[in-house]
Amino acid sequence: MFIKPIDKPLRLLKLEALARRLPHNHPKHQEILQKLYRAEAGYSGEKSLHYYLTQKAGRQYRILHSVKLNTLGHDFQMDFLLLHQTHLLILEVKNIAGTLRFEPDRHQVIWTKPDNSVKVLPDFYLQAIIQKEHLANWISEADLPQIPINPLVVISNPNCRLEIPPQFNNHPSIRNMIRSAYLPTRLSSELNQHSKATFSLSKLESLILEHNLPDDQCILKETGVKPGELTTGVLCPACLNKRMIKHRYRWLCSHCGKKSRNAHVDTLIDFSLLVGPLITNIEFRWFAQIESASTAKHLLRELKLPVAGHNRGRFYSLTHITGNLQVNPPNSLS
């Protein structure tokens, strides 16, 4: 049972917004696209596990997707955390194309990409072990009794070729790595191994949901892109990077003829993902390329956004239209 469903990660939404708003000739355009592709691949791999996690064995767990907690001053994130009254499972999902050669004696994985380039990656299982240690510390800090925690690496890309030297077949890094199609069988095995109920999940579950950390990293600061370098204006949802113009009560794309009454809402969502959760009339006019202060005021008021401040100090909260998406720190246009 999913108690925290598989939703598109906020970081991915921020990267999508940045890719939309970054000019193609910007020196960091390719770098941003690579970050976006990696984030999309990660999300695709995690999303592909939904089918297997909803089989009979998976339904016996309380499942949380993308859990981020803090222990001893350090944040740690788990792709999936599965809760059962006898044990916990951490799933570290890898959606990788190409060939993976495992060298657990050297704590590394050799990744040969489809273009034949080679990259050395850290041992996947060791990453999961570190998450296990962090989670055990977090549970101790929460003054909860310890419970068995088992980390598991899941290779979600069925076309990924795995090369495992025979001498490492029984190594923990290999025994605790499976393909996604084998996940229901492995979950059944885990349930059989931990048959004695030792734990009440209600408090642990509520504490995890309460302390789950949002992704409050500002994507502009992370990538070094300045707000003034972004493409502004209301972008056409059909042409993507073509600006629309305001014509009476509608937005109109002169390129494809697309009409929309609320295209500016997507523009406000982009602002919230890239800049912050609060916007002033001046900022809205700049980001949406609206000349008239009264037009901008009307559009903001029409959305019934929460308002604070007066006159030039008045700002509108965008959480009303972004829901739980907007968790950026306070705005920074510097």
C-alpha atoms as a PDB file:
ATOM      1  CA  MET A   1       0.000   0.000   0.000  1.00  0.00           C
ATOM      2  CA  PHE A   2       1.396   3.373  -0.984  1.00  0.00           C
ATOM      3  CA  ILE A   3       1.226   5.970   1.783  1.00  0.00           C
ATOM      4  CA  LYS A   4       3.541   8.329  -0.135  1.00  0.00           C
ATOM      5  CA  PRO A   5       2.891   7.778  -3.846  1.00  0.00           C
ATOM      6  CA  ILE A   6       5.287   7.985  -6.768  1.00  0.00           C
ATOM      7  CA  ASP A   7       5.079  11.664  -7.670  1.00  0.00           C
ATOM      8  CA  LYS A   8       7.338  13.568 -10.023  1.00  0.00           C
ATOM      9  CA  PRO A   9      10.215  14.900  -7.879  1.00  0.00           C
ATOM     10  CA  LEU A  10      10.309  18.626  -7.248  1.00  0.00           C
ATOM     11  CA  ARG A  11      13.902  18.763  -8.471  1.00  0.00           C
ATOM     12  CA  LEU A  12      12.770  17.352 -11.818  1.00  0.00           C
ATOM     13  CA  LEU A  13      10.000  19.958 -12.059  1.00  0.00           C
ATOM     14  CA  LYS A  14      12.545  22.698 -11.360  1.00  0.00           C
ATOM     15  CA  LEU A  15      14.919  21.361 -14.018  1.00  0.00           C
ATOM     16  CA  GLU A  16      12.065  21.178 -16.537  1.00  0.00           C
ATOM     17  CA  ALA A  17      11.188  24.801 -15.819  1.00  0.00           C
ATOM     18  CA  LEU A  18      14.825  25.853 -16.120  1.00  0.00           C
ATOM     19  CA  ALA A  19      15.237  24.002 -19.420  1.00  0.00           C
ATOM     20  CA  ARG A  20      12.142  25.796 -20.759  1.00  0.00           C
ATOM     21  CA  ARG A  21      13.422  29.175 -19.659  1.00  0.00           C
ATOM     22  CA  LEU A  22      17.098  28.924 -20.550  1.00  0.00           C
ATOM     23  CA  PRO A  23      18.070  30.255 -24.009  1.00  0.00           C
ATOM     24  CA  HIS A  24      19.533  27.587 -26.278  1.00  0.00           C
ATOM     25  CA  ASN A  25      22.693  29.653 -26.740  1.00  0.00           C
ATOM     26  CA  HIS A  26      23.313  29.924 -22.995  1.00  0.00           C
ATOM     27  CA  PRO A  27      26.739  28.458 -22.096  1.00  0.00           C
ATOM     28  CA  LYS A  28      25.156  26.154 -19.505  1.00  0.00           C
ATOM     29  CA  HIS A  29      22.319  24.919 -21.718  1.00  0.00           C
ATOM     30  CA  GLN A  30      23.840  21.492 -22.414  1.00  0.00           C
ATOM     31  CA  GLU A  31      24.835  21.060 -18.765  1.00  0.00           C
ATOM     32  CA  ILE A  32      21.258  21.749 -17.673  1.00  0.00           C
ATOM     33  CA  LEU A  33      19.891  19.311 -20.257  1.00  0.00           C
ATOM     34  CA  GLN A  34      22.218  16.585 -18.970  1.00  0.00           C
ATOM     35  CA  LYS A  35      20.987  17.181 -15.421  1.00  0.00           C
ATOM     36  CA  LEU A  36      17.419  17.039 -16.712  1.00  0.00           C
ATOM     37  CA  TYR A  37      17.988  13.783 -18.600  1.00  0.00           C
ATOM     38  CA  ARG A  38      19.509  12.134 -15.517  1.00  0.00           C
ATOM     39  CA  ALA A  39      16.621  13.277 -13.335  1.00  0.00           C
ATOM     40  CA  GLU A  40      14.091  12.035 -15.906  1.00  0.00           C
ATOM     41  CA  ALA A  41      15.819   8.656 -16.095  1.00  0.00           C
ATOM     42  CA  GLY A  42      15.796   8.334 -12.317  1.00  0.00           C
ATOM     43  CA  TYR A  43      12.103   9.148 -12.101  1.00  0.00           C
ATOM     44  CA  SER A  44      11.268   6.809 -14.987  1.00  0.00           C
ATOM     45  CA  GLY A  45      13.086   3.963 -13.271  1.00  0.00           C
ATOM     46  CA  GLU A  46      11.323   4.570  -9.968  1.00  0.00           C
ATOM     47  CA  LYS A  47       7.931   4.893 -11.676  1.00  0.00           C
ATOM     48  CA  SER A  48       8.454   1.555 -13.450  1.00  0.00           C
ATOM     49  CA  LEU A  49       8.512  -0.208 -10.059  1.00  0.00           C
ATOM     50  CA  HIS A  50       4.872   0.669  -9.354  1.00  0.00           C
ATOM     51  CA  TYR A  51       3.588  -2.465 -11.079  1.00  0.00           C
ATOM     52  CA  TYR A  52       5.845  -4.785  -9.100  1.00  0.00           C
ATOM     53  CA  LEU A  53       5.217  -3.047  -5.789  1.00  0.00           C
ATOM     54  CA  THR A  54       1.466  -3.467  -6.177  1.00  0.00           C
ATOM     55  CA  GLN A  55       1.666  -7.247  -6.511  1.00  0.00           C
ATOM     56  CA  LYS A  56       0.596  -9.495  -3.612  1.00  0.00           C
ATOM     57  CA  ALA A  57       3.834  -9.298  -1.616  1.00  0.00           C
ATOM     58  CA  GLY A  58       4.180  -5.544  -2.118  1.00  0.00           C
ATOM     59  CA  ARG A  59       0.683  -4.937  -0.799  1.00  0.00           C
ATOM     60  CA  GLN A  60       1.802  -6.204   2.605  1.00  0.00           C
ATOM     61  CA  TYR A  61       4.139  -3.228   2.986  1.00  0.00           C
ATOM     62  CA  ARG A  62       3.480   0.434   3.709  1.00  0.00           C
ATOM     63  CA  ILE A  63       5.382   2.079   0.835  1.00  0.00           C
ATOM     64  CA  LEU A  64       6.893   5.552   0.745  1.00  0.00           C
ATOM     65  CA  HIS A  65       8.475   7.005  -2.363  1.00  0.00           C
ATOM     66  CA  SER A  66      11.349   9.497  -2.207  1.00  0.00           C
ATOM     67  CA  VAL A  67      11.935   9.951   1.509  1.00  0.00           C
ATOM     68  CA  LYS A  68      14.429  12.564   2.671  1.00  0.00           C
ATOM     69  CA  LEU A  69      15.373  12.768   6.354  1.00  0.00           C
ATOM     70  CA  ASN A  70      18.116  14.344   8.449  1.00  0.00           C
ATOM     71  CA  THR A  71      20.284  12.652  11.036  1.00  0.00           C
ATOM     72  CA  LEU A  72      23.344  13.949  12.849  1.00  0.00           C
ATOM     73  CA  GLY A  73      23.167  17.114  10.740  1.00  0.00           C
ATOM     74  CA  HIS A  74      23.223  15.292   7.396  1.00  0.00           C
ATOM     75  CA  ASP A  75      20.394  14.812   4.916  1.00  0.00           C
ATOM     76  CA  PHE A  76      19.906  11.407   3.333  1.00  0.00           C
ATOM     77  CA  GLN A  77      17.414  10.330   0.693  1.00  0.00           C
ATOM     78  CA  MET A  78      15.896   6.940  -0.115  1.00  0.00           C
ATOM     79  CA  ASP A  79      14.228   6.124  -3.439  1.00  0.00           C
ATOM     80  CA  PHE A  80      11.747   3.842  -1.675  1.00  0.00           C
ATOM     81  CA  LEU A  81      11.213   2.920   1.962  1.00  0.00           C
ATOM     82  CA  LEU A  82       9.027  -0.113   2.629  1.00  0.00           C
ATOM     83  CA  LEU A  83       7.606  -0.507   6.132  1.00  0.00           C
ATOM     84  CA  HIS A  84       6.490  -3.780   7.703  1.00  0.00           C
ATOM     85  CA  GLN A  85       5.910  -4.618  11.336  1.00  0.00           C
ATOM     86  CA  THR A  86       8.787  -7.130  11.173  1.00  0.00           C
ATOM     87  CA  HIS A  87      11.360  -5.190   9.127  1.00  0.00           C
ATOM     88  CA  LEU A  88      12.105  -2.241   6.837  1.00  0.00           C
ATOM     89  CA  LEU A  89      13.379  -2.331   3.260  1.00  0.00           C
ATOM     90  CA  ILE A  90      15.340   0.411   1.492  1.00  0.00           C
ATOM     91  CA  LEU A  91      15.208   0.259  -2.305  1.00  0.00           C
ATOM     92  CA  GLU A  92      17.982   1.983  -4.225  1.00  0.00           C
ATOM     93  CA  VAL A  93      16.803   2.127  -7.859  1.00  0.00           C
ATOM     94  CA  LYS A  94      19.215   2.311 -10.794  1.00  0.00           C
ATOM     95  CA  ASN A  95      17.891   3.049 -14.271  1.00  0.00           C
ATOM     96  CA  ILE A  96      21.032   2.737 -16.374  1.00  0.00           C
ATOM     97  CA  ALA A  97      21.519   1.895 -20.038  1.00  0.00           C
ATOM     98  CA  GLY A  98      24.540   0.009 -21.319  1.00  0.00           C
ATOM     99  CA  THR A  99      26.699  -2.536 -19.495  1.00  0.00           C
ATOM    100  CA  LEU A 100      27.557  -2.701 -15.806  1.00  0.00           C
ATOM    101  CA  ARG A 101      30.563  -4.708 -14.634  1.00  0.00           C
ATOM    102  CA  PHE A 102      30.608  -5.217 -10.884  1.00  0.00           C
ATOM    103  CA  GLU A 103      33.878  -5.204  -8.957  1.00  0.00           C
ATOM    104  CA  PRO A 104      32.781  -5.365  -5.305  1.00  0.00           C
ATOM    105  CA  ASP A 105      36.323  -6.099  -4.121  1.00  0.00           C
ATOM    106  CA  ARG A 106      37.210  -2.618  -5.354  1.00  0.00           C
ATOM    107  CA  HIS A 107      33.894  -1.099  -4.248  1.00  0.00           C
ATOM    108  CA  GLN A 108      33.094   0.031  -7.763  1.00  0.00           C
ATOM    109  CA  VAL A 109      30.973  -0.563 -10.837  1.00  0.00           C
ATOM    110  CA  ILE A 110      32.351  -0.050 -14.329  1.00  0.00           C
ATOM    111  CA  TRP A 111      29.675   1.465 -16.565  1.00  0.00           C
ATOM    112  CA  THR A 112      30.115   1.160 -20.329  1.00  0.00           C
ATOM    113  CA  LYS A 113      27.605   3.535 -21.872  1.00  0.00           C
ATOM    114  CA  PRO A 114      25.761   2.885 -25.156  1.00  0.00           C
ATOM    115  CA  ASP A 115      28.266   5.192 -26.903  1.00  0.00           C
ATOM    116  CA  ASN A 116      31.107   2.964 -25.536  1.00  0.00           C
ATOM    117  CA  SER A 117      32.426   5.626 -23.186  1.00  0.00           C
ATOM    118  CA  VAL A 118      33.342   4.291 -19.743  1.00  0.00           C
ATOM    119  CA  LYS A 119      32.637   5.693 -16.296  1.00  0.00           C
ATOM    120  CA  VAL A 120      33.495   4.360 -12.840  1.00  0.00           C
ATOM    121  CA  LEU A 121      30.610   4.415 -10.354  1.00  0.00           C
ATOM    122  CA  PRO A 122      30.658   3.696  -6.604  1.00  0.00           C
ATOM    123  CA  ASP A 123      29.308   0.322  -5.467  1.00  0.00           C
ATOM    124  CA  PHE A 124      25.502   0.636  -5.486  1.00  0.00           C
ATOM    125  CA  TYR A 125      25.059  -1.600  -2.460  1.00  0.00           C
ATOM    126  CA  LEU A 126      27.468   0.465  -0.383  1.00  0.00           C
ATOM    127  CA  GLN A 127      25.297   3.513  -1.124  1.00  0.00           C
ATOM    128  CA  ALA A 128      22.291   1.599   0.201  1.00  0.00           C
ATOM    129  CA  ILE A 129      24.251   0.470   3.271  1.00  0.00           C
ATOM    130  CA  ILE A 130      25.036   4.105   4.093  1.00  0.00           C
ATOM    131  CA  GLN A 131      21.326   4.901   3.831  1.00  0.00           C
ATOM    132  CA  LYS A 132      20.614   1.993   6.187  1.00  0.00           C
ATOM    133  CA  GLU A 133      23.046   3.385   8.761  1.00  0.00           C
ATOM    134  CA  HIS A 134      21.524   6.853   8.488  1.00  0.00           C
ATOM    135  CA  LEU A 135      18.002   5.464   8.906  1.00  0.00           C
ATOM    136  CA  ALA A 136      19.058   3.423  11.954  1.00  0.00           C
ATOM    137  CA  ASN A 137      20.535   6.587  13.491  1.00  0.00           C
ATOM    138  CA  TRP A 138      17.359   8.531  12.698  1.00  0.00           C
ATOM    139  CA  ILE A 139      15.199   5.870  14.346  1.00  0.00           C
ATOM    140  CA  SER A 140      17.444   5.975  17.421  1.00  0.00           C
ATOM    141  CA  GLU A 141      17.245   9.779  17.561  1.00  0.00           C
ATOM    142  CA  ALA A 142      13.441   9.482  17.395  1.00  0.00           C
ATOM    143  CA  ASP A 143      13.621   7.261  20.503  1.00  0.00           C
ATOM    144  CA  LEU A 144      12.043   4.345  18.666  1.00  0.00           C
ATOM    145  CA  PRO A 145      13.074   0.715  19.107  1.00  0.00           C
ATOM    146  CA  GLN A 146      15.438  -0.660  16.504  1.00  0.00           C
ATOM    147  CA  ILE A 147      14.027  -2.857  13.758  1.00  0.00           C
ATOM    148  CA  PRO A 148      15.825  -4.909  11.073  1.00  0.00           C
ATOM    149  CA  ILE A 149      16.634  -2.773   8.021  1.00  0.00           C
ATOM    150  CA  ASN A 150      17.555  -4.448   4.757  1.00  0.00           C
ATOM    151  CA  PRO A 151      18.940  -2.450   1.799  1.00  0.00           C
ATOM    152  CA  LEU A 152      18.254  -3.673  -1.715  1.00  0.00           C
ATOM    153  CA  VAL A 153      19.517  -2.427  -5.086  1.00  0.00           C
ATOM    154  CA  VAL A 154      17.024  -2.679  -7.969  1.00  0.00           C
ATOM    155  CA  ILE A 155      18.177  -2.486 -11.600  1.00  0.00           C
ATOM    156  CA  SER A 156      15.098  -1.097 -13.343  1.00  0.00           C
ATOM    157  CA  ASN A 157      16.303  -1.003 -16.958  1.00  0.00           C
ATOM    158  CA  PRO A 158      15.612  -4.473 -18.427  1.00  0.00           C
ATOM    159  CA  ASN A 159      18.029  -3.805 -21.284  1.00  0.00           C
ATOM    160  CA  CYS A 160      20.989  -3.116 -19.022  1.00  0.00           C
ATOM    161  CA  ARG A 161      23.609  -5.881 -19.322  1.00  0.00           C
ATOM    162  CA  LEU A 162      25.114  -7.068 -16.064  1.00  0.00           C
ATOM    163  CA  GLU A 163      28.605  -8.562 -15.912  1.00  0.00           C
ATOM    164  CA  ILE A 164      29.407 -10.328 -12.643  1.00  0.00           C
ATOM    165  CA  PRO A 165      32.688 -12.213 -12.237  1.00  0.00           C
ATOM    166  CA  PRO A 166      31.821 -15.720 -10.913  1.00  0.00           C
ATOM    167  CA  GLN A 167      33.905 -15.298  -7.756  1.00  0.00           C
ATOM    168  CA  PHE A 168      31.565 -12.532  -6.599  1.00  0.00           C
ATOM    169  CA  ASN A 169      28.246 -14.359  -7.014  1.00  0.00           C
ATOM    170  CA  ASN A 170      27.834 -14.682  -3.240  1.00  0.00           C
ATOM    171  CA  HIS A 171      29.153 -11.242  -2.388  1.00  0.00           C
ATOM    172  CA  PRO A 172      26.615  -9.074  -0.457  1.00  0.00           C
ATOM    173  CA  SER A 173      26.746  -6.447  -3.205  1.00  0.00           C
ATOM    174  CA  ILE A 174      25.521  -9.068  -5.688  1.00  0.00           C
ATOM    175  CA  ARG A 175      23.140 -11.036  -3.443  1.00  0.00           C
ATOM    176  CA  ASN A 176      21.321  -7.802  -2.594  1.00  0.00           C
ATOM    177  CA  MET A 177      20.963  -6.621  -6.167  1.00  0.00           C
ATOM    178  CA  ILE A 178      18.015  -7.694  -8.321  1.00  0.00           C
ATOM    179  CA  ARG A 179      16.206  -6.765 -11.492  1.00  0.00           C
ATOM    180  CA  SER A 180      12.835  -5.119 -11.028  1.00  0.00           C
ATOM    181  CA  ALA A 181      10.899  -8.110 -12.404  1.00  0.00           C
ATOM    182  CA  TYR A 182      12.260 -10.219  -9.528  1.00  0.00           C
ATOM    183  CA  LEU A 183      11.097  -7.721  -6.898  1.00  0.00           C
ATOM    184  CA  PRO A 184       7.798  -9.479  -5.962  1.00  0.00           C
ATOM    185  CA  THR A 185       9.677 -12.755  -5.422  1.00  0.00           C
ATOM    186  CA  ARG A 186      12.310 -11.036  -3.305  1.00  0.00           C
ATOM    187  CA  LEU A 187       9.662  -9.280  -1.213  1.00  0.00           C
ATOM    188  CA  SER A 188       7.967 -12.640  -0.538  1.00  0.00           C
ATOM    189  CA  SER A 189      11.314 -14.016   0.581  1.00  0.00           C
ATOM    190  CA  GLU A 190      11.901 -11.064   2.906  1.00  0.00           C
ATOM    191  CA  LEU A 191       8.445 -11.530   4.454  1.00  0.00           C
ATOM    192  CA  ASN A 192       9.145 -15.225   5.070  1.00  0.00           C
ATOM    193  CA  GLN A 193      12.498 -14.475   6.690  1.00  0.00           C
ATOM    194  CA  HIS A 194      10.985 -11.940   9.098  1.00  0.00           C
ATOM    195  CA  SER A 195       7.908 -13.708  10.387  1.00  0.00           C
ATOM    196  CA  LYS A 196       7.785 -12.406  13.967  1.00  0.00           C
ATOM    197  CA  ALA A 197       6.053  -9.071  14.467  1.00  0.00           C
ATOM    198  CA  THR A 198       8.213  -6.846  16.654  1.00  0.00           C
ATOM    199  CA  PHE A 199       7.185  -3.336  15.764  1.00  0.00           C
ATOM    200  CA  SER A 200       4.223  -0.996  15.654  1.00  0.00           C
ATOM    201  CA  LEU A 201       4.337   1.018  12.460  1.00  0.00           C
ATOM    202  CA  SER A 202       1.910   3.819  13.300  1.00  0.00           C
ATOM    203  CA  LYS A 203       4.358   6.043  15.176  1.00  0.00           C
ATOM    204  CA  LEU A 204       7.247   5.411  12.769  1.00  0.00           C
ATOM    205  CA  GLU A 205       5.052   6.116   9.766  1.00  0.00           C
ATOM    206  CA  SER A 206       3.687   9.357  11.173  1.00  0.00           C
ATOM    207  CA  LEU A 207       7.157  10.567  12.219  1.00  0.00           C
ATOM    208  CA  ILE A 208       8.624   9.864   8.783  1.00  0.00           C
ATOM    209  CA  LEU A 209       5.823  11.765   7.045  1.00  0.00           C
ATOM    210  CA  GLU A 210       6.159  14.623   9.545  1.00  0.00           C
ATOM    211  CA  HIS A 211       9.933  14.927   9.188  1.00  0.00           C
ATOM    212  CA  ASN A 212      10.213  14.218   5.468  1.00  0.00           C
ATOM    213  CA  LEU A 213      12.239  17.116   4.059  1.00  0.00           C
ATOM    214  CA  PRO A 214      11.200  19.029   0.947  1.00  0.00           C
ATOM    215  CA  ASP A 215      13.647  19.784  -1.828  1.00  0.00           C
ATOM    216  CA  ASP A 216      14.325  23.410  -0.908  1.00  0.00           C
ATOM    217  CA  GLN A 217      17.446  23.732  -3.044  1.00  0.00           C
ATOM    218  CA  CYS A 218      17.190  26.760  -5.329  1.00  0.00           C
ATOM    219  CA  ILE A 219      17.914  25.417  -8.804  1.00  0.00           C
ATOM    220  CA  LEU A 220      19.294  28.774  -9.997  1.00  0.00           C
ATOM    221  CA  LYS A 221      21.855  28.905  -7.203  1.00  0.00           C
ATOM    222  CA  GLU A 222      22.735  25.249  -7.724  1.00  0.00           C
ATOM    223  CA  THR A 223      23.395  25.733 -11.436  1.00  0.00           C
ATOM    224  CA  GLY A 224      24.790  29.244 -11.273  1.00  0.00           C
ATOM    225  CA  VAL A 225      22.150  30.649 -13.624  1.00  0.00           C
ATOM    226  CA  LYS A 226      21.075  34.225 -12.871  1.00  0.00           C
ATOM    227  CA  PRO A 227      17.398  35.269 -13.022  1.00  0.00           C
ATOM    228  CA  GLY A 228      18.257  37.915 -15.618  1.00  0.00           C
ATOM    229  CA  GLU A 229      19.503  35.186 -17.968  1.00  0.00           C
ATOM    230  CA  LEU A 230      16.129  33.444 -18.137  1.00  0.00           C
ATOM    231  CA  THR A 231      13.748  33.690 -21.066  1.00  0.00           C
ATOM    232  CA  THR A 232      10.790  35.726 -19.849  1.00  0.00           C
ATOM    233  CA  GLY A 233       7.258  36.037 -21.164  1.00  0.00           C
ATOM    234  CA  VAL A 234       4.202  33.791 -21.306  1.00  0.00           C
ATOM    235  CA  LEU A 235       5.336  30.750 -23.280  1.00  0.00           C
ATOM    236  CA  CYS A 236       3.001  29.028 -25.700  1.00  0.00           C
ATOM    237  CA  PRO A 237       2.062  25.541 -24.392  1.00  0.00           C
ATOM    238  CA  ALA A 238       2.024  24.269 -27.990  1.00  0.00           C
ATOM    239  CA  CYS A 239       5.227  25.875 -29.315  1.00  0.00           C
ATOM    240  CA  LEU A 240       6.906  25.671 -25.886  1.00  0.00           C
ATOM    241  CA  ASN A 241       9.512  28.377 -26.441  1.00  0.00           C
ATOM    242  CA  LYS A 242       7.381  30.896 -28.357  1.00  0.00           C
ATOM    243  CA  ARG A 243       6.059  33.891 -26.454  1.00  0.00           C
ATOM    244  CA  MET A 244       2.356  34.649 -26.428  1.00  0.00           C
ATOM    245  CA  ILE A 245       0.876  38.135 -26.508  1.00  0.00           C
ATOM    246  CA  LYS A 246      -2.098  39.423 -24.529  1.00  0.00           C
ATOM    247  CA  HIS A 247      -5.058  40.150 -26.780  1.00  0.00           C
ATOM    248  CA  ARG A 248      -8.142  41.328 -24.923  1.00  0.00           C
ATOM    249  CA  TYR A 249      -9.045  38.498 -22.548  1.00  0.00           C
ATOM    250  CA  ARG A 250      -6.824  35.848 -24.099  1.00  0.00           C
ATOM    251  CA  TRP A 251      -3.217  34.985 -24.734  1.00  0.00           C
ATOM    252  CA  LEU A 252      -2.424  34.450 -28.404  1.00  0.00           C
ATOM    253  CA  CYS A 253       0.557  32.759 -30.054  1.00  0.00           C
ATOM    254  CA  SER A 254       1.389  34.505 -33.300  1.00  0.00           C
ATOM    255  CA  HIS A 255       3.421  31.487 -34.412  1.00  0.00           C
ATOM    256  CA  CYS A 256       0.828  28.684 -34.239  1.00  0.00           C
ATOM    257  CA  GLY A 257      -2.373  30.541 -33.428  1.00  0.00           C
ATOM    258  CA  LYS A 258      -2.854  28.829 -30.058  1.00  0.00           C
ATOM    259  CA  LYS A 259      -5.265  30.715 -27.768  1.00  0.00           C
ATOM    260  CA  SER A 260      -5.475  30.455 -23.999  1.00  0.00           C
ATOM    261  CA  ARG A 261      -7.192  32.329 -21.198  1.00  0.00           C
ATOM    262  CA  ASN A 262      -4.880  31.110 -18.455  1.00  0.00           C
ATOM    263  CA  ALA A 263      -1.438  30.578 -20.025  1.00  0.00           C
ATOM    264  CA  HIS A 264      -0.036  33.032 -17.474  1.00  0.00           C
ATOM    265  CA  VAL A 265      -0.713  30.488 -14.711  1.00  0.00           C
ATOM    266  CA  ASP A 266       2.046  28.232 -16.101  1.00  0.00           C
ATOM    267  CA  THR A 267       4.297  31.289 -16.145  1.00  0.00           C
ATOM    268  CA  LEU A 268       3.611  31.877 -12.458  1.00  0.00           C
ATOM    269  CA  ILE A 269       4.351  28.222 -11.722  1.00  0.00           C
ATOM    270  CA  ASP A 270       7.692  28.550 -13.548  1.00  0.00           C
ATOM    271  CA  PHE A 271       8.460  31.631 -11.456  1.00  0.00           C
ATOM    272  CA  SER A 272       7.670  29.757  -8.254  1.00  0.00           C
ATOM    273  CA  LEU A 273       9.869  26.809  -9.230  1.00  0.00           C
ATOM    274  CA  LEU A 274      12.803  28.965 -10.304  1.00  0.00           C
ATOM    275  CA  VAL A 275      12.674  32.085  -8.132  1.00  0.00           C
ATOM    276  CA  GLY A 276      10.440  31.645  -5.129  1.00  0.00           C
ATOM    277  CA  PRO A 277       6.937  31.365  -3.648  1.00  0.00           C
ATOM    278  CA  LEU A 278       6.187  35.091  -3.501  1.00  0.00           C
ATOM    279  CA  ILE A 279       5.742  37.518  -6.366  1.00  0.00           C
ATOM    280  CA  THR A 280       5.120  41.260  -6.612  1.00  0.00           C
ATOM    281  CA  ASN A 281       3.333  43.120  -9.382  1.00  0.00           C
ATOM    282  CA  ILE A 282       6.667  44.391 -10.692  1.00  0.00           C
ATOM    283  CA  GLU A 283       8.184  40.893 -10.708  1.00  0.00           C
ATOM    284  CA  PHE A 284       5.138  39.491 -12.482  1.00  0.00           C
ATOM    285  CA  ARG A 285       5.324  42.179 -15.146  1.00  0.00           C
ATOM    286  CA  TRP A 286       9.016  41.438 -15.665  1.00  0.00           C
ATOM    287  CA  PHE A 287       8.668  37.648 -15.798  1.00  0.00           C
ATOM    288  CA  ALA A 288       5.474  37.595 -17.904  1.00  0.00           C
ATOM    289  CA  GLN A 289       6.511  40.603 -20.013  1.00  0.00           C
ATOM    290  CA  ILE A 290       3.345  42.539 -19.205  1.00  0.00           C
ATOM    291  CA  GLU A 291       3.590  46.308 -19.691  1.00  0.00           C
ATOM    292  CA  SER A 292       0.512  47.406 -17.765  1.00  0.00           C
ATOM    293  CA  ALA A 293       0.564  47.373 -13.961  1.00  0.00           C
ATOM    294  CA  SER A 294      -3.234  47.304 -13.903  1.00  0.00           C
ATOM    295  CA  THR A 295      -3.345  44.284 -16.226  1.00  0.00           C
ATOM    296  CA  ALA A 296      -0.870  42.436 -14.037  1.00  0.00           C
ATOM    297  CA  LYS A 297      -2.877  43.361 -10.940  1.00  0.00           C
ATOM    298  CA  HIS A 298      -6.097  42.121 -12.530  1.00  0.00           C
ATOM    299  CA  LEU A 299      -4.553  38.787 -13.545  1.00  0.00           C
ATOM    300  CA  LEU A 300      -3.121  38.198 -10.066  1.00  0.00           C
ATOM    301  CA  ARG A 301      -6.332  39.176  -8.309  1.00  0.00           C
ATOM    302  CA  GLU A 302      -8.370  36.979 -10.632  1.00  0.00           C
ATOM    303  CA  LEU A 303      -6.505  33.953  -9.285  1.00  0.00           C
ATOM    304  CA  LYS A 304      -7.544  34.849  -5.708  1.00  0.00           C
ATOM    305  CA  LEU A 305      -3.979  34.529  -4.452  1.00  0.00           C
ATOM    306  CA  PRO A 306      -3.267  35.237  -0.793  1.00  0.00           C
ATOM    307  CA  VAL A 307      -1.930  38.796  -0.442  1.00  0.00           C
ATOM    308  CA  ALA A 308       0.254  40.494   2.157  1.00  0.00           C
ATOM    309  CA  GLY A 309       1.755  43.966   2.381  1.00  0.00           C
ATOM    310  CA  HIS A 310       0.619  47.257   0.913  1.00  0.00           C
ATOM    311  CA  ASN A 311       1.308  49.335  -2.181  1.00  0.00           C
ATOM    312  CA  ARG A 312       4.782  48.630  -3.577  1.00  0.00           C
ATOM    313  CA  GLY A 313       5.419  46.206  -0.718  1.00  0.00           C
ATOM    314  CA  ARG A 314       2.445  44.032  -1.657  1.00  0.00           C
ATOM    315  CA  PHE A 315       3.241  40.488  -2.670  1.00  0.00           C
ATOM    316  CA  TYR A 316       1.172  37.489  -3.705  1.00  0.00           C
ATOM    317  CA  SER A 317       1.689  33.928  -2.501  1.00  0.00           C
ATOM    318  CA  LEU A 318       1.851  31.383  -5.317  1.00  0.00           C
ATOM    319  CA  THR A 319       1.272  28.338  -3.119  1.00  0.00           C
ATOM    320  CA  HIS A 320      -2.431  28.666  -3.942  1.00  0.00           C
ATOM    321  CA  ILE A 321      -1.767  27.541  -7.529  1.00  0.00           C
ATOM    322  CA  THR A 322       1.303  25.368  -7.011  1.00  0.00           C
ATOM    323  CA  GLY A 323       0.072  23.374  -4.026  1.00  0.00           C
ATOM    324  CA  ASN A 324       2.925  21.365  -2.513  1.00  0.00           C
ATOM    325  CA  LEU A 325       5.241  22.038  -5.443  1.00  0.00           C
ATOM    326  CA  GLN A 326       6.559  25.345  -4.170  1.00  0.00           C
ATOM    327  CA  VAL A 327       9.058  24.962  -1.375  1.00  0.00           C
ATOM    328  CA  ASN A 328      11.786  27.288  -2.589  1.00  0.00           C
ATOM    329  CA  PRO A 329      13.468  29.515  -0.027  1.00  0.00           C
ATOM    330  CA  PRO A 330      12.557  33.235  -0.031  1.00  0.00           C
ATOM    331  CA  ASN A 331      12.878  34.909  -3.403  1.00  0.00           C
ATOM    332  CA  SER A 332      16.230  36.089  -4.623  1.00  0.00           C
ATOM    333  CA  LEU A 333      16.478  38.079  -7.836  1.00  0.00           C
ATOM    334  CA  SER A 334      20.039  39.167  -7.250  1.00  0.00           C
END
